[in-house]
């Protein structure tokens, strides 16, 4: 906004670190929240 730029931004809200949930031993580990 400061430089008057006009991107299109998508923020994907999966309620946590999805890629880490898919990679780690326990997907529901608290560190993924």
ModelCIF file with pLDDT and N, C-alpha, C, O atoms, coordinates in Angstrom:
data_MODEL
#
_entry.id   MODEL 
#
_entity.id                         1 
_entity.type                       polymer 
_entity.pdbx_number_of_molecules   1 
#
_entity_poly.entity_id                      1 
_entity_poly.type                           'polypeptide(L)' 
_entity_poly.nstd_linkage                   no 
_entity_poly.nstd_monomer                   no 
_entity_poly.pdbx_seq_one_letter_code       
;(UNK)(UNK)(UNK)(UNK)(UNK)(UNK)(UNK)(UNK)(UNK)(UNK)(UNK)(UNK)(UNK)(UNK)(UNK)(UNK)
(UNK)(UNK)(UNK)(UNK)(UNK)(UNK)(UNK)(UNK)(UNK)(UNK)(UNK)(UNK)(UNK)(UNK)(UNK)(UNK)
(UNK)
;
_entity_poly.pdbx_seq_one_letter_code_can   XXXXXXXXXXXXXXXXXXXXXXXXXXXXXXXXX 
_entity_poly.pdbx_strand_id                 A 
#
loop_
_entity_poly_seq.entity_id 
_entity_poly_seq.num 
_entity_poly_seq.mon_id 
_entity_poly_seq.hetero 
1 1  UNK n 
1 2  UNK n 
1 3  UNK n 
1 4  UNK n 
1 5  UNK n 
1 6  UNK n 
1 7  UNK n 
1 8  UNK n 
1 9  UNK n 
1 10 UNK n 
1 11 UNK n 
1 12 UNK n 
1 13 UNK n 
1 14 UNK n 
1 15 UNK n 
1 16 UNK n 
1 17 UNK n 
1 18 UNK n 
1 19 UNK n 
1 20 UNK n 
1 21 UNK n 
1 22 UNK n 
1 23 UNK n 
1 24 UNK n 
1 25 UNK n 
1 26 UNK n 
1 27 UNK n 
1 28 UNK n 
1 29 UNK n 
1 30 UNK n 
1 31 UNK n 
1 32 UNK n 
1 33 UNK n 
#
_struct_asym.id          A 
_struct_asym.entity_id   1 
#
loop_
_ma_qa_metric.id 
_ma_qa_metric.mode 
_ma_qa_metric.name 
_ma_qa_metric.software_group_id 
_ma_qa_metric.type 
1 global pLDDT . pLDDT 
2 local  pLDDT . pLDDT 
#
_ma_qa_metric_global.metric_id      1 
_ma_qa_metric_global.metric_value   92.64 
_ma_qa_metric_global.model_id       1 
_ma_qa_metric_global.ordinal_id     1 
#
loop_
_ma_qa_metric_local.label_asym_id 
_ma_qa_metric_local.label_comp_id 
_ma_qa_metric_local.label_seq_id 
_ma_qa_metric_local.metric_id 
_ma_qa_metric_local.metric_value 
_ma_qa_metric_local.model_id 
_ma_qa_metric_local.ordinal_id 
A UNK 1  2 96.00 1 1  
A UNK 2  2 96.00 1 2  
A UNK 3  2 97.00 1 3  
A UNK 4  2 96.00 1 4  
A UNK 5  2 98.00 1 5  
A UNK 6  2 97.00 1 6  
A UNK 7  2 98.00 1 7  
A UNK 8  2 98.00 1 8  
A UNK 9  2 98.00 1 9  
A UNK 10 2 98.00 1 10 
A UNK 11 2 98.00 1 11 
A UNK 12 2 97.00 1 12 
A UNK 13 2 96.00 1 13 
A UNK 14 2 94.00 1 14 
A UNK 15 2 92.00 1 15 
A UNK 16 2 91.00 1 16 
A UNK 17 2 90.00 1 17 
A UNK 18 2 89.00 1 18 
A UNK 19 2 87.00 1 19 
A UNK 20 2 88.00 1 20 
A UNK 21 2 89.00 1 21 
A UNK 22 2 88.00 1 22 
A UNK 23 2 86.00 1 23 
A UNK 24 2 88.00 1 24 
A UNK 25 2 86.00 1 25 
A UNK 26 2 90.00 1 26 
A UNK 27 2 89.00 1 27 
A UNK 28 2 91.00 1 28 
A UNK 29 2 92.00 1 29 
A UNK 30 2 91.00 1 30 
A UNK 31 2 90.00 1 31 
A UNK 32 2 91.00 1 32 
A UNK 33 2 92.00 1 33 
#
loop_
_atom_site.group_PDB 
_atom_site.id 
_atom_site.type_symbol 
_atom_site.label_atom_id 
_atom_site.label_alt_id 
_atom_site.label_comp_id 
_atom_site.label_asym_id 
_atom_site.label_entity_id 
_atom_site.label_seq_id 
_atom_site.pdbx_PDB_ins_code 
_atom_site.Cartn_x 
_atom_site.Cartn_y 
_atom_site.Cartn_z 
_atom_site.occupancy 
_atom_site.B_iso_or_equiv 
_atom_site.pdbx_formal_charge 
_atom_site.auth_seq_id 
_atom_site.auth_comp_id 
_atom_site.auth_asym_id 
_atom_site.auth_atom_id 
_atom_site.pdbx_PDB_model_num 
ATOM 1   N N  . UNK A 1 1  ? 0.826  -1.206  0.000  1.00 96.00 ? 1  UNK A N  1 
ATOM 2   C CA . UNK A 1 1  ? 0.000  0.000   0.000  1.00 96.00 ? 1  UNK A CA 1 
ATOM 3   C C  . UNK A 1 1  ? 0.859  1.254   0.000  1.00 96.00 ? 1  UNK A C  1 
ATOM 4   O O  . UNK A 1 1  ? 0.528  2.241   -0.658 1.00 96.00 ? 1  UNK A O  1 
ATOM 5   N N  . UNK A 1 2  ? 1.952  1.215   0.731  1.00 96.00 ? 2  UNK A N  1 
ATOM 6   C CA . UNK A 1 2  ? 2.855  2.378   0.822  1.00 96.00 ? 2  UNK A CA 1 
ATOM 7   C C  . UNK A 1 2  ? 3.360  2.797   -0.550 1.00 96.00 ? 2  UNK A C  1 
ATOM 8   O O  . UNK A 1 2  ? 3.526  3.986   -0.820 1.00 96.00 ? 2  UNK A O  1 
ATOM 9   N N  . UNK A 1 3  ? 3.604  1.821   -1.415 1.00 97.00 ? 3  UNK A N  1 
ATOM 10  C CA . UNK A 1 3  ? 4.137  2.124   -2.744 1.00 97.00 ? 3  UNK A CA 1 
ATOM 11  C C  . UNK A 1 3  ? 3.072  1.990   -3.835 1.00 97.00 ? 3  UNK A C  1 
ATOM 12  O O  . UNK A 1 3  ? 3.395  1.897   -5.019 1.00 97.00 ? 3  UNK A O  1 
ATOM 13  N N  . UNK A 1 4  ? 1.800  1.981   -3.424 1.00 96.00 ? 4  UNK A N  1 
ATOM 14  C CA . UNK A 1 4  ? 0.669  1.972   -4.355 1.00 96.00 ? 4  UNK A CA 1 
ATOM 15  C C  . UNK A 1 4  ? 0.723  0.783   -5.314 1.00 96.00 ? 4  UNK A C  1 
ATOM 16  O O  . UNK A 1 4  ? 0.439  0.915   -6.504 1.00 96.00 ? 4  UNK A O  1 
ATOM 17  N N  . UNK A 1 5  ? 1.088  -0.368  -4.780 1.00 98.00 ? 5  UNK A N  1 
ATOM 18  C CA . UNK A 1 5  ? 1.130  -1.597  -5.554 1.00 98.00 ? 5  UNK A CA 1 
ATOM 19  C C  . UNK A 1 5  ? -0.147 -2.392  -5.309 1.00 98.00 ? 5  UNK A C  1 
ATOM 20  O O  . UNK A 1 5  ? -0.747 -2.290  -4.239 1.00 98.00 ? 5  UNK A O  1 
ATOM 21  N N  . UNK A 1 6  ? -0.566 -3.186  -6.298 1.00 97.00 ? 6  UNK A N  1 
ATOM 22  C CA . UNK A 1 6  ? -1.889 -3.796  -6.236 1.00 97.00 ? 6  UNK A CA 1 
ATOM 23  C C  . UNK A 1 6  ? -1.837 -5.306  -6.497 1.00 97.00 ? 6  UNK A C  1 
ATOM 24  O O  . UNK A 1 6  ? -2.276 -5.771  -7.548 1.00 97.00 ? 6  UNK A O  1 
ATOM 25  N N  . UNK A 1 7  ? -1.307 -6.055  -5.556 1.00 98.00 ? 7  UNK A N  1 
ATOM 26  C CA . UNK A 1 7  ? -1.245 -7.502  -5.734 1.00 98.00 ? 7  UNK A CA 1 
ATOM 27  C C  . UNK A 1 7  ? -2.611 -8.149  -5.503 1.00 98.00 ? 7  UNK A C  1 
ATOM 28  O O  . UNK A 1 7  ? -3.540 -7.528  -4.986 1.00 98.00 ? 7  UNK A O  1 
ATOM 29  N N  . UNK A 1 8  ? -2.698 -9.419  -5.903 1.00 98.00 ? 8  UNK A N  1 
ATOM 30  C CA . UNK A 1 8  ? -3.803 -10.283 -5.486 1.00 98.00 ? 8  UNK A CA 1 
ATOM 31  C C  . UNK A 1 8  ? -3.192 -11.325 -4.553 1.00 98.00 ? 8  UNK A C  1 
ATOM 32  O O  . UNK A 1 8  ? -2.320 -12.095 -4.955 1.00 98.00 ? 8  UNK A O  1 
ATOM 33  N N  . UNK A 1 9  ? -3.658 -11.343 -3.303 1.00 98.00 ? 9  UNK A N  1 
ATOM 34  C CA . UNK A 1 9  ? -3.059 -12.189 -2.271 1.00 98.00 ? 9  UNK A CA 1 
ATOM 35  C C  . UNK A 1 9  ? -4.081 -13.210 -1.786 1.00 98.00 ? 9  UNK A C  1 
ATOM 36  O O  . UNK A 1 9  ? -5.217 -12.868 -1.459 1.00 98.00 ? 9  UNK A O  1 
ATOM 37  N N  . UNK A 1 10 ? -3.657 -14.462 -1.746 1.00 98.00 ? 10 UNK A N  1 
ATOM 38  C CA . UNK A 1 10 ? -4.476 -15.543 -1.189 1.00 98.00 ? 10 UNK A CA 1 
ATOM 39  C C  . UNK A 1 10 ? -3.756 -16.097 0.028  1.00 98.00 ? 10 UNK A C  1 
ATOM 40  O O  . UNK A 1 10 ? -2.602 -16.517 -0.062 1.00 98.00 ? 10 UNK A O  1 
ATOM 41  N N  . UNK A 1 11 ? -4.441 -16.097 1.171  1.00 98.00 ? 11 UNK A N  1 
ATOM 42  C CA . UNK A 1 11 ? -3.905 -16.693 2.395  1.00 98.00 ? 11 UNK A CA 1 
ATOM 43  C C  . UNK A 1 11 ? -4.723 -17.939 2.692  1.00 98.00 ? 11 UNK A C  1 
ATOM 44  O O  . UNK A 1 11 ? -5.918 -17.844 2.971  1.00 98.00 ? 11 UNK A O  1 
ATOM 45  N N  . UNK A 1 12 ? -4.092 -19.107 2.634  1.00 97.00 ? 12 UNK A N  1 
ATOM 46  C CA . UNK A 1 12 ? -4.784 -20.379 2.824  1.00 97.00 ? 12 UNK A CA 1 
ATOM 47  C C  . UNK A 1 12 ? -4.779 -20.731 4.300  1.00 97.00 ? 12 UNK A C  1 
ATOM 48  O O  . UNK A 1 12 ? -3.729 -21.006 4.881  1.00 97.00 ? 12 UNK A O  1 
ATOM 49  N N  . UNK A 1 13 ? -5.964 -20.721 4.902  1.00 96.00 ? 13 UNK A N  1 
ATOM 50  C CA . UNK A 1 13 ? -6.102 -20.938 6.345  1.00 96.00 ? 13 UNK A CA 1 
ATOM 51  C C  . UNK A 1 13 ? -6.526 -22.370 6.614  1.00 96.00 ? 13 UNK A C  1 
ATOM 52  O O  . UNK A 1 13 ? -7.702 -22.717 6.496  1.00 96.00 ? 13 UNK A O  1 
ATOM 53  N N  . UNK A 1 14 ? -5.540 -23.210 6.985  1.00 94.00 ? 14 UNK A N  1 
ATOM 54  C CA . UNK A 1 14 ? -5.786 -24.618 7.306  1.00 94.00 ? 14 UNK A CA 1 
ATOM 55  C C  . UNK A 1 14 ? -5.748 -24.889 8.807  1.00 94.00 ? 14 UNK A C  1 
ATOM 56  O O  . UNK A 1 14 ? -5.685 -26.042 9.234  1.00 94.00 ? 14 UNK A O  1 
ATOM 57  N N  . UNK A 1 15 ? -5.785 -23.813 9.612  1.00 92.00 ? 15 UNK A N  1 
ATOM 58  C CA . UNK A 1 15 ? -5.758 -23.988 11.067 1.00 92.00 ? 15 UNK A CA 1 
ATOM 59  C C  . UNK A 1 15 ? -4.478 -24.690 11.521 1.00 92.00 ? 15 UNK A C  1 
ATOM 60  O O  . UNK A 1 15 ? -4.518 -25.660 12.278 1.00 92.00 ? 15 UNK A O  1 
ATOM 61  N N  . UNK A 1 16 ? -3.341 -24.178 11.042 1.00 91.00 ? 16 UNK A N  1 
ATOM 62  C CA . UNK A 1 16 ? -2.073 -24.729 11.516 1.00 91.00 ? 16 UNK A CA 1 
ATOM 63  C C  . UNK A 1 16 ? -1.073 -24.922 10.398 1.00 91.00 ? 16 UNK A C  1 
ATOM 64  O O  . UNK A 1 16 ? -1.337 -24.584 9.244  1.00 91.00 ? 16 UNK A O  1 
ATOM 65  N N  . UNK A 1 17 ? 0.081  -25.470 10.752 1.00 90.00 ? 17 UNK A N  1 
ATOM 66  C CA . UNK A 1 17 ? 1.134  -25.744 9.783  1.00 90.00 ? 17 UNK A CA 1 
ATOM 67  C C  . UNK A 1 17 ? 0.798  -27.037 9.041  1.00 90.00 ? 17 UNK A C  1 
ATOM 68  O O  . UNK A 1 17 ? 1.168  -28.125 9.482  1.00 90.00 ? 17 UNK A O  1 
ATOM 69  N N  . UNK A 1 18 ? 0.099  -26.915 7.916  1.00 89.00 ? 18 UNK A N  1 
ATOM 70  C CA . UNK A 1 18 ? -0.355 -28.111 7.215  1.00 89.00 ? 18 UNK A CA 1 
ATOM 71  C C  . UNK A 1 18 ? 0.810  -28.951 6.697  1.00 89.00 ? 18 UNK A C  1 
ATOM 72  O O  . UNK A 1 18 ? 0.802  -30.172 6.854  1.00 89.00 ? 18 UNK A O  1 
ATOM 73  N N  . UNK A 1 19 ? 1.795  -28.327 6.091  1.00 87.00 ? 19 UNK A N  1 
ATOM 74  C CA . UNK A 1 19 ? 2.896  -29.116 5.540  1.00 87.00 ? 19 UNK A CA 1 
ATOM 75  C C  . UNK A 1 19 ? 3.620  -29.878 6.644  1.00 87.00 ? 19 UNK A C  1 
ATOM 76  O O  . UNK A 1 19 ? 4.065  -31.006 6.433  1.00 87.00 ? 19 UNK A O  1 
ATOM 77  N N  . UNK A 1 20 ? 3.739  -29.263 7.825  1.00 88.00 ? 20 UNK A N  1 
ATOM 78  C CA . UNK A 1 20 ? 4.394  -29.962 8.933  1.00 88.00 ? 20 UNK A CA 1 
ATOM 79  C C  . UNK A 1 20 ? 3.520  -31.122 9.430  1.00 88.00 ? 20 UNK A C  1 
ATOM 80  O O  . UNK A 1 20 ? 4.035  -32.174 9.807  1.00 88.00 ? 20 UNK A O  1 
ATOM 81  N N  . UNK A 1 21 ? 2.207  -30.926 9.428  1.00 89.00 ? 21 UNK A N  1 
ATOM 82  C CA . UNK A 1 21 ? 1.309  -32.026 9.827  1.00 89.00 ? 21 UNK A CA 1 
ATOM 83  C C  . UNK A 1 21 ? 1.490  -33.227 8.906  1.00 89.00 ? 21 UNK A C  1 
ATOM 84  O O  . UNK A 1 21 ? 1.436  -34.375 9.348  1.00 89.00 ? 21 UNK A O  1 
ATOM 85  N N  . UNK A 1 22 ? 1.707  -32.947 7.612  1.00 88.00 ? 22 UNK A N  1 
ATOM 86  C CA . UNK A 1 22 ? 1.844  -34.025 6.643  1.00 88.00 ? 22 UNK A CA 1 
ATOM 87  C C  . UNK A 1 22 ? 3.208  -34.714 6.742  1.00 88.00 ? 22 UNK A C  1 
ATOM 88  O O  . UNK A 1 22 ? 3.352  -35.868 6.339  1.00 88.00 ? 22 UNK A O  1 
ATOM 89  N N  . UNK A 1 23 ? 4.194  -34.016 7.272  1.00 86.00 ? 23 UNK A N  1 
ATOM 90  C CA . UNK A 1 23 ? 5.549  -34.562 7.290  1.00 86.00 ? 23 UNK A CA 1 
ATOM 91  C C  . UNK A 1 23 ? 5.947  -35.209 8.616  1.00 86.00 ? 23 UNK A C  1 
ATOM 92  O O  . UNK A 1 23 ? 6.785  -36.111 8.631  1.00 86.00 ? 23 UNK A O  1 
ATOM 93  N N  . UNK A 1 24 ? 5.369  -34.768 9.716  1.00 88.00 ? 24 UNK A N  1 
ATOM 94  C CA . UNK A 1 24 ? 5.875  -35.183 11.028 1.00 88.00 ? 24 UNK A CA 1 
ATOM 95  C C  . UNK A 1 24 ? 5.230  -36.497 11.499 1.00 88.00 ? 24 UNK A C  1 
ATOM 96  O O  . UNK A 1 24 ? 4.300  -37.003 10.871 1.00 88.00 ? 24 UNK A O  1 
ATOM 97  N N  . UNK A 1 25 ? 5.733  -37.032 12.603 1.00 86.00 ? 25 UNK A N  1 
ATOM 98  C CA . UNK A 1 25 ? 5.265  -38.303 13.154 1.00 86.00 ? 25 UNK A CA 1 
ATOM 99  C C  . UNK A 1 25 ? 3.845  -38.194 13.686 1.00 86.00 ? 25 UNK A C  1 
ATOM 100 O O  . UNK A 1 25 ? 3.021  -39.075 13.442 1.00 86.00 ? 25 UNK A O  1 
ATOM 101 N N  . UNK A 1 26 ? 3.551  -37.112 14.416 1.00 90.00 ? 26 UNK A N  1 
ATOM 102 C CA . UNK A 1 26 ? 2.228  -36.917 15.012 1.00 90.00 ? 26 UNK A CA 1 
ATOM 103 C C  . UNK A 1 26 ? 1.610  -35.647 14.446 1.00 90.00 ? 26 UNK A C  1 
ATOM 104 O O  . UNK A 1 26 ? 1.946  -34.553 14.900 1.00 90.00 ? 26 UNK A O  1 
ATOM 105 N N  . UNK A 1 27 ? 0.709  -35.759 13.460 1.00 89.00 ? 27 UNK A N  1 
ATOM 106 C CA . UNK A 1 27 ? 0.139  -34.572 12.824 1.00 89.00 ? 27 UNK A CA 1 
ATOM 107 C C  . UNK A 1 27 ? -0.540 -33.611 13.796 1.00 89.00 ? 27 UNK A C  1 
ATOM 108 O O  . UNK A 1 27 ? -0.590 -32.407 13.547 1.00 89.00 ? 27 UNK A O  1 
ATOM 109 N N  . UNK A 1 28 ? -1.065 -34.142 14.906 1.00 91.00 ? 28 UNK A N  1 
ATOM 110 C CA . UNK A 1 28 ? -1.782 -33.291 15.846 1.00 91.00 ? 28 UNK A CA 1 
ATOM 111 C C  . UNK A 1 28 ? -0.878 -32.761 16.967 1.00 91.00 ? 28 UNK A C  1 
ATOM 112 O O  . UNK A 1 28 ? -1.369 -32.232 17.964 1.00 91.00 ? 28 UNK A O  1 
ATOM 113 N N  . UNK A 1 29 ? 0.421  -32.902 16.803 1.00 92.00 ? 29 UNK A N  1 
ATOM 114 C CA . UNK A 1 29 ? 1.347  -32.360 17.805 1.00 92.00 ? 29 UNK A CA 1 
ATOM 115 C C  . UNK A 1 29 ? 1.103  -30.861 17.985 1.00 92.00 ? 29 UNK A C  1 
ATOM 116 O O  . UNK A 1 29 ? 0.808  -30.143 17.030 1.00 92.00 ? 29 UNK A O  1 
ATOM 117 N N  . UNK A 1 30 ? 1.233  -30.411 19.227 1.00 91.00 ? 30 UNK A N  1 
ATOM 118 C CA . UNK A 1 30 ? 0.886  -29.030 19.554 1.00 91.00 ? 30 UNK A CA 1 
ATOM 119 C C  . UNK A 1 30 ? 1.741  -28.018 18.790 1.00 91.00 ? 30 UNK A C  1 
ATOM 120 O O  . UNK A 1 30 ? 1.299  -26.899 18.532 1.00 91.00 ? 30 UNK A O  1 
ATOM 121 N N  . UNK A 1 31 ? 2.963  -28.411 18.430 1.00 90.00 ? 31 UNK A N  1 
ATOM 122 C CA . UNK A 1 31 ? 3.832  -27.455 17.734 1.00 90.00 ? 31 UNK A CA 1 
ATOM 123 C C  . UNK A 1 31 ? 3.342  -27.113 16.336 1.00 90.00 ? 31 UNK A C  1 
ATOM 124 O O  . UNK A 1 31 ? 3.875  -26.199 15.706 1.00 90.00 ? 31 UNK A O  1 
ATOM 125 N N  . UNK A 1 32 ? 2.338  -27.829 15.838 1.00 91.00 ? 32 UNK A N  1 
ATOM 126 C CA . UNK A 1 32 ? 1.763  -27.504 14.540 1.00 91.00 ? 32 UNK A CA 1 
ATOM 127 C C  . UNK A 1 32 ? 0.567  -26.561 14.631 1.00 91.00 ? 32 UNK A C  1 
ATOM 128 O O  . UNK A 1 32 ? 0.001  -26.172 13.609 1.00 91.00 ? 32 UNK A O  1 
ATOM 129 N N  . UNK A 1 33 ? 0.182  -26.193 15.857 1.00 92.00 ? 33 UNK A N  1 
ATOM 130 C CA . UNK A 1 33 ? -0.942 -25.285 16.045 1.00 92.00 ? 33 UNK A CA 1 
ATOM 131 C C  . UNK A 1 33 ? -0.483 -23.834 15.951 1.00 92.00 ? 33 UNK A C  1 
ATOM 132 O O  . UNK A 1 33 ? -1.295 -22.919 16.084 1.00 92.00 ? 33 UNK A O  1 
#
